[in-house]
Amino acid sequence: MLLGPTASGKTALAVRLAHYLNTEIISADSRQVYRGMDIGTGKDLKEYEFENSKIPYHLIDIINAGENYHLHAFMSDFFELFQSLHQTQKNPILCGGTGLYIESVLKGLEYVSIPVNETLRADLVQKLPAEVFSIFEKFEQNEFKALADTSTLKRTIRAIEIMTFLKENKKPEIQFPTINPIILGIAPDRETRRLRIENRLKLRLKNGLIEEVERLLNQGISAEKLIFYGLEYKFVVQYLQKQINLPQLEEKLTIAIQQFARRQMTWFRKMEKDGFEINWINGNLSLNEQLEEAKKILKTKNLNKAL
């Protein structure tokens, strides 16, 4: 398992590690599952090639943009892939930065099977983030509320869906397989991360991020749905609706991505407090140096475990 914040270079290291171990990669990115959402999600499929070899990847480009893909679907897809690859004697590398997805397969969270409430979601997405959080806060304290992630509008809305369901229904009883992974983490220092985020956003805008969002809108995907996907899609929609100008788009989006990266690191630190050992690799090292560090860590661990 390889995790890290946005712009930390997870995919490049995972590809080299998969090549070294002769295995495959399962993506733990909540937005790269969508076809047509390429630039905004940082989906560069050319990265999955190394030394003239194509590294097999999974859970990327599996549904159309605008469709629903939720945590329960991810967990079901992951465990199906996990067991299938194990039958071929391969230990897959789960790679991504969506902390909720990563933690879900570690803990086998039961709440993920609670269905999406499209009517409630359509209402909540129209509200300001502060209003949505206020709605969440009004629910009575229970087991789920103590665990709920409200770090983004999207996750707060999902938490409200679950809380609403639990008011009238029992918690689902579902058993997922237990895995015992070796967890590697990659994180550059804050200044390096900040510069990478700034430079990457400039490159994405240059390479057609705005045009990608325009194309998705022209395909019939609603502005509300794209806003729900967050970050790049949210702010580009605001730009296209003339709520902000181009300099404001770049400034606001840069700040939002920086904040997102900090929330990711907070999530990973919480995982450590919860007892998950994350073996951190210095993200300022070169890719070759990072790979050597990863190899050293794996030599001290049981390689028969899943990655």
C-alpha atoms as a PDB file:
ATOM      1  CA  MET A   1       0.000   0.000   0.000  1.00  0.00           C
ATOM      2  CA  LEU A   2       1.416   3.398  -1.010  1.00  0.00           C
ATOM      3  CA  LEU A   3      -0.226   6.608   0.177  1.00  0.00           C
ATOM      4  CA  GLY A   4       0.604  10.303   0.278  1.00  0.00           C
ATOM      5  CA  PRO A   5      -0.800  13.779  -0.313  1.00  0.00           C
ATOM      6  CA  THR A   6      -1.535  15.242  -3.722  1.00  0.00           C
ATOM      7  CA  ALA A   7       1.514  16.137  -5.827  1.00  0.00           C
ATOM      8  CA  SER A   8       3.792  13.832  -3.828  1.00  0.00           C
ATOM      9  CA  GLY A   9       4.652  11.558  -6.772  1.00  0.00           C
ATOM     10  CA  LYS A  10       2.810   8.451  -5.571  1.00  0.00           C
ATOM     11  CA  THR A  11       2.029   7.012  -8.991  1.00  0.00           C
ATOM     12  CA  ALA A  12       5.582   7.257 -10.307  1.00  0.00           C
ATOM     13  CA  LEU A  13       6.968   5.437  -7.279  1.00  0.00           C
ATOM     14  CA  ALA A  14       4.159   2.847  -7.294  1.00  0.00           C
ATOM     15  CA  VAL A  15       4.863   2.050 -10.948  1.00  0.00           C
ATOM     16  CA  ARG A  16       8.561   1.466 -10.266  1.00  0.00           C
ATOM     17  CA  LEU A  17       7.763  -0.606  -7.219  1.00  0.00           C
ATOM     18  CA  ALA A  18       5.209  -2.679  -9.159  1.00  0.00           C
ATOM     19  CA  HIS A  19       7.816  -3.292 -11.870  1.00  0.00           C
ATOM     20  CA  TYR A  20      10.341  -4.405  -9.245  1.00  0.00           C
ATOM     21  CA  LEU A  21       7.823  -6.744  -7.563  1.00  0.00           C
ATOM     22  CA  ASN A  22       6.167  -7.931 -10.795  1.00  0.00           C
ATOM     23  CA  THR A  23       2.725  -6.929  -9.568  1.00  0.00           C
ATOM     24  CA  GLU A  24      -0.207  -4.664 -10.412  1.00  0.00           C
ATOM     25  CA  ILE A  25      -1.620  -1.390  -9.076  1.00  0.00           C
ATOM     26  CA  ILE A  26      -5.087  -0.743  -7.683  1.00  0.00           C
ATOM     27  CA  SER A  27      -5.977   2.940  -7.588  1.00  0.00           C
ATOM     28  CA  ALA A  28      -7.350   4.491  -4.414  1.00  0.00           C
ATOM     29  CA  ASP A  29      -8.373   7.763  -6.031  1.00  0.00           C
ATOM     30  CA  SER A  30     -12.050   8.683  -5.693  1.00  0.00           C
ATOM     31  CA  ARG A  31     -12.125  10.721  -8.917  1.00  0.00           C
ATOM     32  CA  GLN A  32      -9.903   8.799 -11.328  1.00  0.00           C
ATOM     33  CA  VAL A  33     -12.639   6.177 -11.626  1.00  0.00           C
ATOM     34  CA  TYR A  34     -14.486   8.554 -13.987  1.00  0.00           C
ATOM     35  CA  ARG A  35     -13.901   8.514 -17.736  1.00  0.00           C
ATOM     36  CA  GLY A  36     -13.287  11.921 -19.273  1.00  0.00           C
ATOM     37  CA  MET A  37     -12.078  13.460 -16.016  1.00  0.00           C
ATOM     38  CA  ASP A  38      -8.408  13.272 -16.886  1.00  0.00           C
ATOM     39  CA  ILE A  39      -6.585  16.573 -16.494  1.00  0.00           C
ATOM     40  CA  GLY A  40      -8.458  17.655 -13.386  1.00  0.00           C
ATOM     41  CA  THR A  41      -7.753  14.368 -11.595  1.00  0.00           C
ATOM     42  CA  GLY A  42      -4.118  14.124 -12.688  1.00  0.00           C
ATOM     43  CA  LYS A  43      -4.798  10.931 -14.617  1.00  0.00           C
ATOM     44  CA  ASP A  44      -1.713  10.404 -16.769  1.00  0.00           C
ATOM     45  CA  LEU A  45      -1.928   6.838 -18.011  1.00  0.00           C
ATOM     46  CA  LYS A  46       1.504   7.152 -19.641  1.00  0.00           C
ATOM     47  CA  GLU A  47       2.916   7.057 -16.119  1.00  0.00           C
ATOM     48  CA  TYR A  48       2.022   3.364 -15.986  1.00  0.00           C
ATOM     49  CA  GLU A  49       4.826   2.524 -18.400  1.00  0.00           C
ATOM     50  CA  PHE A  50       8.360   1.837 -17.166  1.00  0.00           C
ATOM     51  CA  GLU A  51      11.382   0.407 -18.983  1.00  0.00           C
ATOM     52  CA  ASN A  52       9.256  -0.593 -21.980  1.00  0.00           C
ATOM     53  CA  SER A  53       6.794  -2.418 -19.729  1.00  0.00           C
ATOM     54  CA  LYS A  54       3.153  -1.513 -19.146  1.00  0.00           C
ATOM     55  CA  ILE A  55       2.187  -1.854 -15.503  1.00  0.00           C
ATOM     56  CA  PRO A  56      -1.404  -3.146 -15.166  1.00  0.00           C
ATOM     57  CA  TYR A  57      -3.696  -0.786 -13.256  1.00  0.00           C
ATOM     58  CA  HIS A  58      -7.232  -1.104 -11.916  1.00  0.00           C
ATOM     59  CA  LEU A  59     -10.156   1.139 -10.825  1.00  0.00           C
ATOM     60  CA  ILE A  60      -9.276   3.902 -13.288  1.00  0.00           C
ATOM     61  CA  ASP A  61     -11.709   4.867 -16.078  1.00  0.00           C
ATOM     62  CA  ILE A  62     -14.332   2.354 -14.963  1.00  0.00           C
ATOM     63  CA  ILE A  63     -17.521   4.483 -15.114  1.00  0.00           C
ATOM     64  CA  ASN A  64     -18.707   7.548 -17.001  1.00  0.00           C
ATOM     65  CA  ALA A  65     -18.387  11.015 -15.507  1.00  0.00           C
ATOM     66  CA  GLY A  66     -21.670  12.029 -13.941  1.00  0.00           C
ATOM     67  CA  GLU A  67     -22.485   8.533 -12.688  1.00  0.00           C
ATOM     68  CA  ASN A  68     -22.316   7.580  -9.026  1.00  0.00           C
ATOM     69  CA  TYR A  69     -19.409   5.700  -7.489  1.00  0.00           C
ATOM     70  CA  HIS A  70     -19.436   5.443  -3.738  1.00  0.00           C
ATOM     71  CA  LEU A  71     -17.304   3.928  -1.014  1.00  0.00           C
ATOM     72  CA  HIS A  72     -19.169   0.617  -0.910  1.00  0.00           C
ATOM     73  CA  ALA A  73     -18.603   0.151  -4.641  1.00  0.00           C
ATOM     74  CA  PHE A  74     -14.897   0.846  -4.166  1.00  0.00           C
ATOM     75  CA  MET A  75     -14.606  -1.662  -1.328  1.00  0.00           C
ATOM     76  CA  SER A  76     -16.432  -4.353  -3.277  1.00  0.00           C
ATOM     77  CA  ASP A  77     -14.304  -3.720  -6.371  1.00  0.00           C
ATOM     78  CA  PHE A  78     -11.096  -3.640  -4.347  1.00  0.00           C
ATOM     79  CA  PHE A  79     -11.667  -6.899  -2.511  1.00  0.00           C
ATOM     80  CA  GLU A  80     -12.716  -8.674  -5.703  1.00  0.00           C
ATOM     81  CA  LEU A  81      -9.489  -7.524  -7.386  1.00  0.00           C
ATOM     82  CA  PHE A  82      -7.437  -8.278  -4.288  1.00  0.00           C
ATOM     83  CA  GLN A  83      -8.600 -11.872  -4.123  1.00  0.00           C
ATOM     84  CA  SER A  84      -8.305 -12.378  -7.884  1.00  0.00           C
ATOM     85  CA  LEU A  85      -4.710 -11.133  -7.950  1.00  0.00           C
ATOM     86  CA  HIS A  86      -3.780 -13.201  -4.926  1.00  0.00           C
ATOM     87  CA  GLN A  87      -4.901 -16.305  -6.807  1.00  0.00           C
ATOM     88  CA  THR A  88      -2.213 -15.454  -9.378  1.00  0.00           C
ATOM     89  CA  GLN A  89       0.370 -15.106  -6.572  1.00  0.00           C
ATOM     90  CA  LYS A  90       0.504 -11.318  -6.889  1.00  0.00           C
ATOM     91  CA  ASN A  91       0.424  -8.868  -3.999  1.00  0.00           C
ATOM     92  CA  PRO A  92      -1.230  -5.754  -5.495  1.00  0.00           C
ATOM     93  CA  ILE A  93      -0.164  -2.247  -4.601  1.00  0.00           C
ATOM     94  CA  LEU A  94      -3.051  -0.048  -3.493  1.00  0.00           C
ATOM     95  CA  CYS A  95      -1.931   3.470  -4.413  1.00  0.00           C
ATOM     96  CA  GLY A  96      -3.712   6.759  -3.810  1.00  0.00           C
ATOM     97  CA  GLY A  97      -4.447   9.698  -1.601  1.00  0.00           C
ATOM     98  CA  THR A  98      -8.125   9.223  -0.770  1.00  0.00           C
ATOM     99  CA  GLY A  99      -7.759   8.484   2.926  1.00  0.00           C
ATOM    100  CA  LEU A 100     -11.316   7.256   3.335  1.00  0.00           C
ATOM    101  CA  TYR A 101     -10.844   4.667   0.573  1.00  0.00           C
ATOM    102  CA  ILE A 102      -7.540   3.502   2.023  1.00  0.00           C
ATOM    103  CA  GLU A 103      -8.834   3.263   5.565  1.00  0.00           C
ATOM    104  CA  SER A 104     -12.006   1.509   4.437  1.00  0.00           C
ATOM    105  CA  VAL A 105     -10.106  -1.530   3.187  1.00  0.00           C
ATOM    106  CA  LEU A 106      -7.994  -1.564   6.331  1.00  0.00           C
ATOM    107  CA  LYS A 107     -10.956  -1.437   8.682  1.00  0.00           C
ATOM    108  CA  GLY A 108     -13.725  -3.016   6.598  1.00  0.00           C
ATOM    109  CA  LEU A 109     -16.095  -0.150   7.429  1.00  0.00           C
ATOM    110  CA  GLU A 110     -19.726  -1.287   7.675  1.00  0.00           C
ATOM    111  CA  TYR A 111     -21.307   2.082   6.933  1.00  0.00           C
ATOM    112  CA  VAL A 112     -20.170   2.140   3.314  1.00  0.00           C
ATOM    113  CA  SER A 113     -23.104  -0.017   2.162  1.00  0.00           C
ATOM    114  CA  ILE A 114     -25.646   2.651   3.127  1.00  0.00           C
ATOM    115  CA  PRO A 115     -27.189   3.823  -0.167  1.00  0.00           C
ATOM    116  CA  VAL A 116     -26.845   7.268  -1.676  1.00  0.00           C
ATOM    117  CA  ASN A 117     -29.830   9.564  -1.108  1.00  0.00           C
ATOM    118  CA  GLU A 118     -30.017  11.444  -4.407  1.00  0.00           C
ATOM    119  CA  THR A 119     -32.855  13.745  -3.306  1.00  0.00           C
ATOM    120  CA  LEU A 120     -31.091  14.751  -0.107  1.00  0.00           C
ATOM    121  CA  ARG A 121     -27.774  15.159  -1.925  1.00  0.00           C
ATOM    122  CA  ALA A 122     -29.312  17.409  -4.593  1.00  0.00           C
ATOM    123  CA  ASP A 123     -30.696  19.650  -1.857  1.00  0.00           C
ATOM    124  CA  LEU A 124     -27.495  19.807   0.212  1.00  0.00           C
ATOM    125  CA  VAL A 125     -25.185  20.543  -2.703  1.00  0.00           C
ATOM    126  CA  GLN A 126     -27.026  23.845  -3.231  1.00  0.00           C
ATOM    127  CA  LYS A 127     -26.165  25.053   0.277  1.00  0.00           C
ATOM    128  CA  LEU A 128     -23.070  26.799   1.580  1.00  0.00           C
ATOM    129  CA  PRO A 129     -20.493  24.553   3.277  1.00  0.00           C
ATOM    130  CA  ALA A 130     -21.168  26.205   6.654  1.00  0.00           C
ATOM    131  CA  GLU A 131     -24.894  25.445   6.315  1.00  0.00           C
ATOM    132  CA  VAL A 132     -24.205  21.816   5.451  1.00  0.00           C
ATOM    133  CA  PHE A 133     -21.859  21.396   8.405  1.00  0.00           C
ATOM    134  CA  SER A 134     -24.464  22.981  10.676  1.00  0.00           C
ATOM    135  CA  ILE A 135     -26.999  20.375   9.549  1.00  0.00           C
ATOM    136  CA  PHE A 136     -24.527  17.613  10.368  1.00  0.00           C
ATOM    137  CA  GLU A 137     -23.834  19.082  13.814  1.00  0.00           C
ATOM    138  CA  LYS A 138     -27.551  18.964  14.722  1.00  0.00           C
ATOM    139  CA  PHE A 139     -27.642  15.161  14.602  1.00  0.00           C
ATOM    140  CA  GLU A 140     -27.458  13.376  17.919  1.00  0.00           C
ATOM    141  CA  GLN A 141     -24.120  11.856  18.859  1.00  0.00           C
ATOM    142  CA  ASN A 142     -23.718   8.177  17.956  1.00  0.00           C
ATOM    143  CA  GLU A 143     -21.042   5.685  16.943  1.00  0.00           C
ATOM    144  CA  PHE A 144     -20.904   6.881  13.349  1.00  0.00           C
ATOM    145  CA  LYS A 145     -20.852  10.606  14.128  1.00  0.00           C
ATOM    146  CA  ALA A 146     -17.676  10.117  16.153  1.00  0.00           C
ATOM    147  CA  LEU A 147     -16.023   8.548  13.092  1.00  0.00           C
ATOM    148  CA  ALA A 148     -17.503  10.781  10.367  1.00  0.00           C
ATOM    149  CA  ASP A 149     -15.187  12.706   8.059  1.00  0.00           C
ATOM    150  CA  THR A 150     -16.357  16.294   7.491  1.00  0.00           C
ATOM    151  CA  SER A 151     -13.136  17.624   5.984  1.00  0.00           C
ATOM    152  CA  THR A 152     -14.818  18.502   2.677  1.00  0.00           C
ATOM    153  CA  LEU A 153     -18.316  19.437   1.525  1.00  0.00           C
ATOM    154  CA  LYS A 154     -18.621  16.163  -0.381  1.00  0.00           C
ATOM    155  CA  ARG A 155     -17.745  14.077   2.668  1.00  0.00           C
ATOM    156  CA  THR A 156     -19.977  16.106   4.973  1.00  0.00           C
ATOM    157  CA  ILE A 157     -22.906  15.510   2.622  1.00  0.00           C
ATOM    158  CA  ARG A 158     -22.165  11.788   2.635  1.00  0.00           C
ATOM    159  CA  ALA A 159     -22.015  11.845   6.449  1.00  0.00           C
ATOM    160  CA  ILE A 160     -25.456  13.481   6.550  1.00  0.00           C
ATOM    161  CA  GLU A 161     -26.807  10.802   4.193  1.00  0.00           C
ATOM    162  CA  ILE A 162     -25.562   8.109   6.547  1.00  0.00           C
ATOM    163  CA  MET A 163     -26.840   9.858   9.671  1.00  0.00           C
ATOM    164  CA  THR A 164     -30.241  10.319   8.024  1.00  0.00           C
ATOM    165  CA  PHE A 165     -30.376   6.632   7.091  1.00  0.00           C
ATOM    166  CA  LEU A 166     -29.401   5.513  10.599  1.00  0.00           C
ATOM    167  CA  LYS A 167     -32.254   7.492  12.150  1.00  0.00           C
ATOM    168  CA  GLU A 168     -34.715   5.013  10.655  1.00  0.00           C
ATOM    169  CA  ASN A 169     -32.626   1.914   9.917  1.00  0.00           C
ATOM    170  CA  LYS A 170     -30.179  -0.408  11.633  1.00  0.00           C
ATOM    171  CA  LYS A 171     -26.487  -0.361  10.827  1.00  0.00           C
ATOM    172  CA  PRO A 172     -25.739  -2.877   8.042  1.00  0.00           C
ATOM    173  CA  GLU A 173     -23.854  -5.982   9.123  1.00  0.00           C
ATOM    174  CA  ILE A 174     -21.308  -6.759   6.428  1.00  0.00           C
ATOM    175  CA  GLN A 175     -18.075  -8.733   6.701  1.00  0.00           C
ATOM    176  CA  PHE A 176     -15.132  -7.766   4.486  1.00  0.00           C
ATOM    177  CA  PRO A 177     -11.900  -9.764   4.349  1.00  0.00           C
ATOM    178  CA  THR A 178      -9.132  -8.626   6.678  1.00  0.00           C
ATOM    179  CA  ILE A 179      -5.845  -7.611   5.068  1.00  0.00           C
ATOM    180  CA  ASN A 180      -2.479  -6.989   6.715  1.00  0.00           C
ATOM    181  CA  PRO A 181      -0.646  -4.581   4.436  1.00  0.00           C
ATOM    182  CA  ILE A 182       2.784  -3.064   4.458  1.00  0.00           C
ATOM    183  CA  ILE A 183       1.985   0.656   4.307  1.00  0.00           C
ATOM    184  CA  LEU A 184       4.451   3.005   2.637  1.00  0.00           C
ATOM    185  CA  GLY A 185       3.939   6.762   2.720  1.00  0.00           C
ATOM    186  CA  ILE A 186       5.565   9.421   0.594  1.00  0.00           C
ATOM    187  CA  ALA A 187       5.587  13.087   1.548  1.00  0.00           C
ATOM    188  CA  PRO A 188       7.783  15.969   0.378  1.00  0.00           C
ATOM    189  CA  ASP A 189       8.347  18.846   2.778  1.00  0.00           C
ATOM    190  CA  ARG A 190       5.717  21.597   2.833  1.00  0.00           C
ATOM    191  CA  GLU A 191       7.625  24.074   0.671  1.00  0.00           C
ATOM    192  CA  THR A 192       8.380  21.461  -1.992  1.00  0.00           C
ATOM    193  CA  ARG A 193       4.769  20.325  -1.936  1.00  0.00           C
ATOM    194  CA  ARG A 194       3.552  23.925  -2.259  1.00  0.00           C
ATOM    195  CA  LEU A 195       5.750  24.566  -5.303  1.00  0.00           C
ATOM    196  CA  ARG A 196       4.734  21.291  -6.935  1.00  0.00           C
ATOM    197  CA  ILE A 197       1.059  22.105  -6.499  1.00  0.00           C
ATOM    198  CA  GLU A 198       1.508  25.593  -7.971  1.00  0.00           C
ATOM    199  CA  ASN A 199       3.514  24.361 -10.952  1.00  0.00           C
ATOM    200  CA  ARG A 200       1.224  21.421 -11.586  1.00  0.00           C
ATOM    201  CA  LEU A 201      -1.867  23.646 -11.637  1.00  0.00           C
ATOM    202  CA  LYS A 202      -0.241  26.016 -14.135  1.00  0.00           C
ATOM    203  CA  LEU A 203       0.544  23.026 -16.330  1.00  0.00           C
ATOM    204  CA  ARG A 204      -2.991  21.648 -16.072  1.00  0.00           C
ATOM    205  CA  LEU A 205      -4.493  24.989 -17.058  1.00  0.00           C
ATOM    206  CA  LYS A 206      -2.075  25.178 -19.984  1.00  0.00           C
ATOM    207  CA  ASN A 207      -2.909  21.629 -21.061  1.00  0.00           C
ATOM    208  CA  GLY A 208      -6.664  22.180 -21.222  1.00  0.00           C
ATOM    209  CA  LEU A 209      -8.246  21.886 -17.781  1.00  0.00           C
ATOM    210  CA  ILE A 210     -10.831  24.563 -18.576  1.00  0.00           C
ATOM    211  CA  GLU A 211     -11.621  22.938 -21.920  1.00  0.00           C
ATOM    212  CA  GLU A 212     -12.056  19.582 -20.188  1.00  0.00           C
ATOM    213  CA  VAL A 213     -14.688  21.012 -17.847  1.00  0.00           C
ATOM    214  CA  GLU A 214     -16.425  22.750 -20.779  1.00  0.00           C
ATOM    215  CA  ARG A 215     -16.546  19.428 -22.615  1.00  0.00           C
ATOM    216  CA  LEU A 216     -18.061  17.663 -19.609  1.00  0.00           C
ATOM    217  CA  LEU A 217     -20.739  20.351 -19.327  1.00  0.00           C
ATOM    218  CA  ASN A 218     -21.474  20.057 -23.053  1.00  0.00           C
ATOM    219  CA  GLN A 219     -21.900  16.297 -22.592  1.00  0.00           C
ATOM    220  CA  GLY A 220     -24.810  17.029 -20.285  1.00  0.00           C
ATOM    221  CA  ILE A 221     -23.139  16.659 -16.901  1.00  0.00           C
ATOM    222  CA  SER A 222     -24.672  19.282 -14.626  1.00  0.00           C
ATOM    223  CA  ALA A 223     -22.679  22.093 -13.068  1.00  0.00           C
ATOM    224  CA  GLU A 224     -23.924  20.914  -9.670  1.00  0.00           C
ATOM    225  CA  LYS A 225     -22.471  17.439 -10.270  1.00  0.00           C
ATOM    226  CA  LEU A 226     -19.096  18.845 -11.290  1.00  0.00           C
ATOM    227  CA  ILE A 227     -19.077  21.153  -8.269  1.00  0.00           C
ATOM    228  CA  PHE A 228     -19.740  18.080  -6.139  1.00  0.00           C
ATOM    229  CA  TYR A 229     -16.527  16.525  -7.492  1.00  0.00           C
ATOM    230  CA  GLY A 230     -14.691  19.448  -5.916  1.00  0.00           C
ATOM    231  CA  LEU A 231     -11.382  21.248  -6.352  1.00  0.00           C
ATOM    232  CA  GLU A 232     -10.495  21.750 -10.043  1.00  0.00           C
ATOM    233  CA  TYR A 233     -14.034  21.048 -11.273  1.00  0.00           C
ATOM    234  CA  LYS A 234     -15.699  23.280  -8.706  1.00  0.00           C
ATOM    235  CA  PHE A 235     -13.547  26.334  -9.387  1.00  0.00           C
ATOM    236  CA  VAL A 236     -13.466  25.952 -13.168  1.00  0.00           C
ATOM    237  CA  VAL A 237     -17.270  25.774 -13.171  1.00  0.00           C
ATOM    238  CA  GLN A 238     -17.323  29.019 -11.172  1.00  0.00           C
ATOM    239  CA  TYR A 239     -14.985  30.558 -13.752  1.00  0.00           C
ATOM    240  CA  LEU A 240     -17.138  29.403 -16.665  1.00  0.00           C
ATOM    241  CA  GLN A 241     -20.196  30.819 -14.924  1.00  0.00           C
ATOM    242  CA  LYS A 242     -18.272  34.120 -14.662  1.00  0.00           C
ATOM    243  CA  GLN A 243     -18.376  34.106 -10.860  1.00  0.00           C
ATOM    244  CA  ILE A 244     -14.572  34.490 -10.807  1.00  0.00           C
ATOM    245  CA  ASN A 245     -11.959  35.572 -13.356  1.00  0.00           C
ATOM    246  CA  LEU A 246      -8.888  33.623 -14.474  1.00  0.00           C
ATOM    247  CA  PRO A 247      -6.415  35.071 -11.908  1.00  0.00           C
ATOM    248  CA  GLN A 248      -8.971  34.387  -9.157  1.00  0.00           C
ATOM    249  CA  LEU A 249      -9.441  30.845 -10.455  1.00  0.00           C
ATOM    250  CA  GLU A 250      -5.733  30.154 -10.215  1.00  0.00           C
ATOM    251  CA  GLU A 251      -5.386  31.807  -6.810  1.00  0.00           C
ATOM    252  CA  LYS A 252      -8.445  30.225  -5.191  1.00  0.00           C
ATOM    253  CA  LEU A 253      -7.759  26.781  -6.631  1.00  0.00           C
ATOM    254  CA  THR A 254      -4.125  26.839  -5.539  1.00  0.00           C
ATOM    255  CA  ILE A 255      -5.181  27.667  -1.986  1.00  0.00           C
ATOM    256  CA  ALA A 256      -7.881  24.967  -2.030  1.00  0.00           C
ATOM    257  CA  ILE A 257      -5.458  22.283  -3.235  1.00  0.00           C
ATOM    258  CA  GLN A 258      -2.913  23.306  -0.586  1.00  0.00           C
ATOM    259  CA  GLN A 259      -5.611  22.981   2.068  1.00  0.00           C
ATOM    260  CA  PHE A 260      -6.643  19.610   0.641  1.00  0.00           C
ATOM    261  CA  ALA A 261      -3.059  18.327   0.858  1.00  0.00           C
ATOM    262  CA  ARG A 262      -2.890  19.392   4.506  1.00  0.00           C
ATOM    263  CA  ARG A 263      -6.149  17.569   5.228  1.00  0.00           C
ATOM    264  CA  GLN A 264      -4.747  14.449   3.578  1.00  0.00           C
ATOM    265  CA  MET A 265      -1.686  14.540   5.839  1.00  0.00           C
ATOM    266  CA  THR A 266      -3.922  15.079   8.868  1.00  0.00           C
ATOM    267  CA  TRP A 267      -5.889  11.982   7.871  1.00  0.00           C
ATOM    268  CA  PHE A 268      -2.726   9.892   7.512  1.00  0.00           C
ATOM    269  CA  ARG A 269      -1.430  11.093  10.886  1.00  0.00           C
ATOM    270  CA  LYS A 270      -4.737  10.060  12.420  1.00  0.00           C
ATOM    271  CA  MET A 271      -4.332   6.621  10.873  1.00  0.00           C
ATOM    272  CA  GLU A 272      -0.998   6.347  12.654  1.00  0.00           C
ATOM    273  CA  LYS A 273      -2.617   7.333  15.944  1.00  0.00           C
ATOM    274  CA  ASP A 274      -5.206   4.625  15.326  1.00  0.00           C
ATOM    275  CA  GLY A 275      -2.426   2.045  15.195  1.00  0.00           C
ATOM    276  CA  PHE A 276      -1.553   1.741  11.503  1.00  0.00           C
ATOM    277  CA  GLU A 277       2.189   1.776  10.879  1.00  0.00           C
ATOM    278  CA  ILE A 278       3.105   4.016   7.944  1.00  0.00           C
ATOM    279  CA  ASN A 279       6.704   3.708   6.753  1.00  0.00           C
ATOM    280  CA  TRP A 280       7.465   7.196   5.472  1.00  0.00           C
ATOM    281  CA  ILE A 281       9.795   7.881   2.563  1.00  0.00           C
ATOM    282  CA  ASN A 282      11.295  11.330   1.994  1.00  0.00           C
ATOM    283  CA  GLY A 283       9.406  12.802  -0.959  1.00  0.00           C
ATOM    284  CA  ASN A 284      12.284  15.180  -1.725  1.00  0.00           C
ATOM    285  CA  LEU A 285      14.509  12.305  -2.807  1.00  0.00           C
ATOM    286  CA  SER A 286      14.862  11.353  -6.460  1.00  0.00           C
ATOM    287  CA  LEU A 287      12.609   8.589  -7.733  1.00  0.00           C
ATOM    288  CA  ASN A 288      15.502   6.117  -7.804  1.00  0.00           C
ATOM    289  CA  GLU A 289      16.396   7.014  -4.219  1.00  0.00           C
ATOM    290  CA  GLN A 290      12.769   6.632  -3.150  1.00  0.00           C
ATOM    291  CA  LEU A 291      12.627   3.208  -4.788  1.00  0.00           C
ATOM    292  CA  GLU A 292      15.763   2.105  -2.959  1.00  0.00           C
ATOM    293  CA  GLU A 293      14.281   3.312   0.326  1.00  0.00           C
ATOM    294  CA  ALA A 294      11.094   1.372  -0.400  1.00  0.00           C
ATOM    295  CA  LYS A 295      13.114  -1.767  -1.141  1.00  0.00           C
ATOM    296  CA  LYS A 296      14.981  -1.417   2.155  1.00  0.00           C
ATOM    297  CA  ILE A 297      11.705  -1.133   4.057  1.00  0.00           C
ATOM    298  CA  LEU A 298      10.245  -4.177   2.319  1.00  0.00           C
ATOM    299  CA  LYS A 299      13.311  -6.254   3.139  1.00  0.00           C
ATOM    300  CA  THR A 300      12.520  -5.783   6.819  1.00  0.00           C
ATOM    301  CA  LYS A 301       8.906  -6.819   6.323  1.00  0.00           C
ATOM    302  CA  ASN A 302       7.131  -9.973   5.288  1.00  0.00           C
ATOM    303  CA  LEU A 303       6.763  -9.701   1.527  1.00  0.00           C
ATOM    304  CA  ASN A 304       3.998 -12.312   1.575  1.00  0.00           C
ATOM    305  CA  LYS A 305       1.767  -9.616   2.998  1.00  0.00           C
ATOM    306  CA  ALA A 306      -0.378  -7.522   0.681  1.00  0.00           C
ATOM    307  CA  LEU A 307       0.937  -4.123  -0.291  1.00  0.00           C
END
